[in-house]
Amino acid sequence: MNRKEAARYLNFKPNTLAVWDCTRRYDLKPIKIGRSVRYRKSVLDQFLLTFLTP
């Protein structure tokens, strides 16, 4: 999914994901194809499980 879709899925703003990618704060393993950035749903699900599980 693209950055906008991924941000909506995670309930963050697209710019937040862009900053995380640039600063490597969280490794969401973005896939860059030219100027386009894509995210795998499985990686986003793992991110949510990591931070939502007590």
PDB file of N, CA and C in Angstrom:
ATOM      1  N   MET A   1       0.838  -1.176   0.000  1.00  0.00           N
ATOM      2  CA  MET A   1       0.000   0.000   0.000  1.00  0.00           C
ATOM      3  C   MET A   1       0.884   1.239   0.000  1.00  0.00           C
ATOM      4  N   ASN A   2       0.369   2.334  -0.536  1.00  0.00           N
ATOM      5  CA  ASN A   2       1.185   3.540  -0.603  1.00  0.00           C
ATOM      6  C   ASN A   2       1.229   4.225   0.773  1.00  0.00           C
ATOM      7  N   ARG A   3       1.989   5.305   0.870  1.00  0.00           N
ATOM      8  CA  ARG A   3       2.187   5.958   2.172  1.00  0.00           C
ATOM      9  C   ARG A   3       0.877   6.491   2.740  1.00  0.00           C
ATOM     10  N   LYS A   4       0.043   7.045   1.898  1.00  0.00           N
ATOM     11  CA  LYS A   4      -1.229   7.602   2.368  1.00  0.00           C
ATOM     12  C   LYS A   4      -2.133   6.496   2.919  1.00  0.00           C
ATOM     13  N   GLU A   5      -2.207   5.393   2.214  1.00  0.00           N
ATOM     14  CA  GLU A   5      -3.023   4.263   2.667  1.00  0.00           C
ATOM     15  C   GLU A   5      -2.456   3.659   3.953  1.00  0.00           C
ATOM     16  N   ALA A   6      -1.132   3.533   4.021  1.00  0.00           N
ATOM     17  CA  ALA A   6      -0.488   2.978   5.211  1.00  0.00           C
ATOM     18  C   ALA A   6      -0.713   3.875   6.420  1.00  0.00           C
ATOM     19  N   ALA A   7      -0.625   5.174   6.211  1.00  0.00           N
ATOM     20  CA  ALA A   7      -0.859   6.123   7.310  1.00  0.00           C
ATOM     21  C   ALA A   7      -2.295   6.024   7.809  1.00  0.00           C
ATOM     22  N   ARG A   8      -3.222   5.909   6.896  1.00  0.00           N
ATOM     23  CA  ARG A   8      -4.625   5.764   7.291  1.00  0.00           C
ATOM     24  C   ARG A   8      -4.824   4.455   8.059  1.00  0.00           C
ATOM     25  N   TYR A   9      -4.177   3.390   7.612  1.00  0.00           N
ATOM     26  CA  TYR A   9      -4.275   2.082   8.257  1.00  0.00           C
ATOM     27  C   TYR A   9      -3.727   2.125   9.689  1.00  0.00           C
ATOM     28  N   LEU A  10      -2.615   2.860   9.883  1.00  0.00           N
ATOM     29  CA  LEU A  10      -1.986   2.958  11.201  1.00  0.00           C
ATOM     30  C   LEU A  10      -2.566   4.086  12.057  1.00  0.00           C
ATOM     31  N   ASN A  11      -3.409   4.910  11.446  1.00  0.00           N
ATOM     32  CA  ASN A  11      -4.014   6.059  12.112  1.00  0.00           C
ATOM     33  C   ASN A  11      -2.964   7.128  12.451  1.00  0.00           C
ATOM     34  N   PHE A  12      -2.052   7.373  11.512  1.00  0.00           N
ATOM     35  CA  PHE A  12      -1.068   8.436  11.599  1.00  0.00           C
ATOM     36  C   PHE A  12      -1.180   9.275  10.334  1.00  0.00           C
ATOM     37  N   LYS A  13      -0.475  10.388  10.310  1.00  0.00           N
ATOM     38  CA  LYS A  13      -0.437  11.213   9.106  1.00  0.00           C
ATOM     39  C   LYS A  13       0.681  10.711   8.188  1.00  0.00           C
ATOM     40  N   PRO A  14       0.506  10.871   6.879  1.00  0.00           N
ATOM     41  CA  PRO A  14       1.543  10.431   5.945  1.00  0.00           C
ATOM     42  C   PRO A  14       2.909  11.054   6.225  1.00  0.00           C
ATOM     43  N   ASN A  15       2.936  12.309   6.647  1.00  0.00           N
ATOM     44  CA  ASN A  15       4.215  12.957   6.946  1.00  0.00           C
ATOM     45  C   ASN A  15       4.925  12.282   8.117  1.00  0.00           C
ATOM     46  N   THR A  16       4.181  11.746   9.055  1.00  0.00           N
ATOM     47  CA  THR A  16       4.786  11.032  10.181  1.00  0.00           C
ATOM     48  C   THR A  16       5.541   9.811   9.672  1.00  0.00           C
ATOM     49  N   LEU A  17       4.936   9.063   8.771  1.00  0.00           N
ATOM     50  CA  LEU A  17       5.618   7.902   8.197  1.00  0.00           C
ATOM     51  C   LEU A  17       6.848   8.332   7.408  1.00  0.00           C
ATOM     52  N   ALA A  18       6.763   9.449   6.722  1.00  0.00           N
ATOM     53  CA  ALA A  18       7.906   9.957   5.959  1.00  0.00           C
ATOM     54  C   ALA A  18       9.065  10.298   6.892  1.00  0.00           C
ATOM     55  N   VAL A  19       8.766  10.918   8.016  1.00  0.00           N
ATOM     56  CA  VAL A  19       9.807  11.265   8.991  1.00  0.00           C
ATOM     57  C   VAL A  19      10.410   9.994   9.579  1.00  0.00           C
ATOM     58  N   TRP A  20       9.569   9.027   9.915  1.00  0.00           N
ATOM     59  CA  TRP A  20      10.075   7.759  10.464  1.00  0.00           C
ATOM     60  C   TRP A  20      11.002   7.079   9.474  1.00  0.00           C
ATOM     61  N   ASP A  21      10.663   7.111   8.192  1.00  0.00           N
ATOM     62  CA  ASP A  21      11.519   6.497   7.171  1.00  0.00           C
ATOM     63  C   ASP A  21      12.858   7.226   7.073  1.00  0.00           C
ATOM     64  N   CYS A  22      12.800   8.539   7.128  1.00  0.00           N
ATOM     65  CA  CYS A  22      14.006   9.354   6.982  1.00  0.00           C
ATOM     66  C   CYS A  22      14.935   9.209   8.197  1.00  0.00           C
ATOM     67  N   THR A  23      14.346   9.215   9.386  1.00  0.00           N
ATOM     68  CA  THR A  23      15.144   9.157  10.620  1.00  0.00           C
ATOM     69  C   THR A  23      15.373   7.732  11.100  1.00  0.00           C
ATOM     70  N   ARG A  24      14.700   6.784  10.465  1.00  0.00           N
ATOM     71  CA  ARG A  24      14.775   5.373  10.849  1.00  0.00           C
ATOM     72  C   ARG A  24      14.354   5.134  12.302  1.00  0.00           C
ATOM     73  N   ARG A  25      13.376   5.915  12.737  1.00  0.00           N
ATOM     74  CA  ARG A  25      12.870   5.768  14.103  1.00  0.00           C
ATOM     75  C   ARG A  25      12.214   4.399  14.284  1.00  0.00           C
ATOM     76  N   TYR A  26      11.360   4.043  13.350  1.00  0.00           N
ATOM     77  CA  TYR A  26      10.753   2.712  13.327  1.00  0.00           C
ATOM     78  C   TYR A  26      11.041   2.128  11.957  1.00  0.00           C
ATOM     79  N   ASP A  27      11.408   0.879  11.927  1.00  0.00           N
ATOM     80  CA  ASP A  27      11.740   0.252  10.648  1.00  0.00           C
ATOM     81  C   ASP A  27      10.497  -0.403  10.063  1.00  0.00           C
ATOM     82  N   LEU A  28       9.785   0.358   9.246  1.00  0.00           N
ATOM     83  CA  LEU A  28       8.594  -0.175   8.585  1.00  0.00           C
ATOM     84  C   LEU A  28       8.934  -0.803   7.244  1.00  0.00           C
ATOM     85  N   LYS A  29      10.219  -0.915   6.953  1.00  0.00           N
ATOM     86  CA  LYS A  29      10.726  -1.540   5.736  1.00  0.00           C
ATOM     87  C   LYS A  29      10.017  -1.035   4.476  1.00  0.00           C
ATOM     88  N   PRO A  30      10.116   0.271   4.226  1.00  0.00           N
ATOM     89  CA  PRO A  30       9.468   0.800   3.023  1.00  0.00           C
ATOM     90  C   PRO A  30      10.139   0.271   1.759  1.00  0.00           C
ATOM     91  N   ILE A  31       9.331   0.067   0.754  1.00  0.00           N
ATOM     92  CA  ILE A  31       9.824  -0.383  -0.550  1.00  0.00           C
ATOM     93  C   ILE A  31       9.769   0.833  -1.466  1.00  0.00           C
ATOM     94  N   LYS A  32      10.918   1.256  -1.969  1.00  0.00           N
ATOM     95  CA  LYS A  32      10.968   2.433  -2.824  1.00  0.00           C
ATOM     96  C   LYS A  32      11.109   2.001  -4.276  1.00  0.00           C
ATOM     97  N   ILE A  33      10.166   2.470  -5.081  1.00  0.00           N
ATOM     98  CA  ILE A  33      10.165   2.197  -6.510  1.00  0.00           C
ATOM     99  C   ILE A  33      10.164   3.558  -7.198  1.00  0.00           C
ATOM    100  N   GLY A  34      11.345   3.990  -7.602  1.00  0.00           N
ATOM    101  CA  GLY A  34      11.463   5.345  -8.132  1.00  0.00           C
ATOM    102  C   GLY A  34      11.180   6.342  -7.023  1.00  0.00           C
ATOM    103  N   ARG A  35      10.193   7.197  -7.226  1.00  0.00           N
ATOM    104  CA  ARG A  35       9.804   8.169  -6.206  1.00  0.00           C
ATOM    105  C   ARG A  35       8.656   7.653  -5.346  1.00  0.00           C
ATOM    106  N   SER A  36       8.122   6.518  -5.702  1.00  0.00           N
ATOM    107  CA  SER A  36       6.989   5.936  -4.999  1.00  0.00           C
ATOM    108  C   SER A  36       7.462   5.098  -3.812  1.00  0.00           C
ATOM    109  N   VAL A  37       6.724   5.165  -2.714  1.00  0.00           N
ATOM    110  CA  VAL A  37       7.040   4.392  -1.513  1.00  0.00           C
ATOM    111  C   VAL A  37       5.854   3.490  -1.206  1.00  0.00           C
ATOM    112  N   ARG A  38       6.151   2.228  -0.964  1.00  0.00           N
ATOM    113  CA  ARG A  38       5.106   1.246  -0.648  1.00  0.00           C
ATOM    114  C   ARG A  38       5.434   0.532   0.653  1.00  0.00           C
ATOM    115  N   TYR A  39       4.397   0.044   1.315  1.00  0.00           N
ATOM    116  CA  TYR A  39       4.550  -0.687   2.569  1.00  0.00           C
ATOM    117  C   TYR A  39       3.794  -2.003   2.472  1.00  0.00           C
ATOM    118  N   ARG A  40       4.361  -3.038   3.077  1.00  0.00           N
ATOM    119  CA  ARG A  40       3.677  -4.328   3.136  1.00  0.00           C
ATOM    120  C   ARG A  40       2.735  -4.339   4.331  1.00  0.00           C
ATOM    121  N   LYS A  41       1.534  -4.844   4.128  1.00  0.00           N
ATOM    122  CA  LYS A  41       0.549  -4.906   5.202  1.00  0.00           C
ATOM    123  C   LYS A  41       1.049  -5.779   6.345  1.00  0.00           C
ATOM    124  N   SER A  42       1.763  -6.850   6.039  1.00  0.00           N
ATOM    125  CA  SER A  42       2.276  -7.740   7.083  1.00  0.00           C
ATOM    126  C   SER A  42       3.254  -7.015   8.012  1.00  0.00           C
ATOM    127  N   VAL A  43       4.066  -6.125   7.467  1.00  0.00           N
ATOM    128  CA  VAL A  43       5.008  -5.349   8.293  1.00  0.00           C
ATOM    129  C   VAL A  43       4.242  -4.351   9.161  1.00  0.00           C
ATOM    130  N   LEU A  44       3.208  -3.734   8.602  1.00  0.00           N
ATOM    131  CA  LEU A  44       2.398  -2.789   9.373  1.00  0.00           C
ATOM    132  C   LEU A  44       1.649  -3.505  10.497  1.00  0.00           C
ATOM    133  N   ASP A  45       1.149  -4.705  10.206  1.00  0.00           N
ATOM    134  CA  ASP A  45       0.470  -5.495  11.245  1.00  0.00           C
ATOM    135  C   ASP A  45       1.431  -5.842  12.372  1.00  0.00           C
ATOM    136  N   GLN A  46       2.660  -6.214  12.028  1.00  0.00           N
ATOM    137  CA  GLN A  46       3.669  -6.536  13.042  1.00  0.00           C
ATOM    138  C   GLN A  46       3.998  -5.302  13.888  1.00  0.00           C
ATOM    139  N   PHE A  47       4.081  -4.157  13.243  1.00  0.00           N
ATOM    140  CA  PHE A  47       4.322  -2.892  13.964  1.00  0.00           C
ATOM    141  C   PHE A  47       3.208  -2.639  14.981  1.00  0.00           C
ATOM    142  N   LEU A  48       1.961  -2.831  14.544  1.00  0.00           N
ATOM    143  CA  LEU A  48       0.829  -2.614  15.451  1.00  0.00           C
ATOM    144  C   LEU A  48       0.856  -3.599  16.612  1.00  0.00           C
ATOM    145  N   LEU A  49       1.154  -4.851  16.339  1.00  0.00           N
ATOM    146  CA  LEU A  49       1.220  -5.847  17.410  1.00  0.00           C
ATOM    147  C   LEU A  49       2.312  -5.521  18.414  1.00  0.00           C
ATOM    148  N   THR A  50       3.433  -5.046  17.927  1.00  0.00           N
ATOM    149  CA  THR A  50       4.561  -4.718  18.808  1.00  0.00           C
ATOM    150  C   THR A  50       4.214  -3.589  19.774  1.00  0.00           C
ATOM    151  N   PHE A  51       3.504  -2.582  19.281  1.00  0.00           N
ATOM    152  CA  PHE A  51       3.251  -1.413  20.102  1.00  0.00           C
ATOM    153  C   PHE A  51       1.900  -1.421  20.797  1.00  0.00           C
ATOM    154  N   LEU A  52       1.008  -2.336  20.444  1.00  0.00           N
ATOM    155  CA  LEU A  52      -0.292  -2.402  21.101  1.00  0.00           C
ATOM    156  C   LEU A  52      -0.395  -3.527  22.113  1.00  0.00           C
ATOM    157  N   THR A  53       0.534  -4.481  22.040  1.00  0.00           N
ATOM    158  CA  THR A  53       0.517  -5.597  22.983  1.00  0.00           C
ATOM    159  C   THR A  53       1.199  -5.160  24.274  1.00  0.00           C
ATOM    160  N   PRO A  54       0.496  -5.312  25.407  1.00  0.00           N
ATOM    161  CA  PRO A  54       1.087  -4.898  26.694  1.00  0.00           C
ATOM    162  C   PRO A  54       2.229  -5.796  27.132  1.00  0.00           C
TER     163      PRO A  54
END
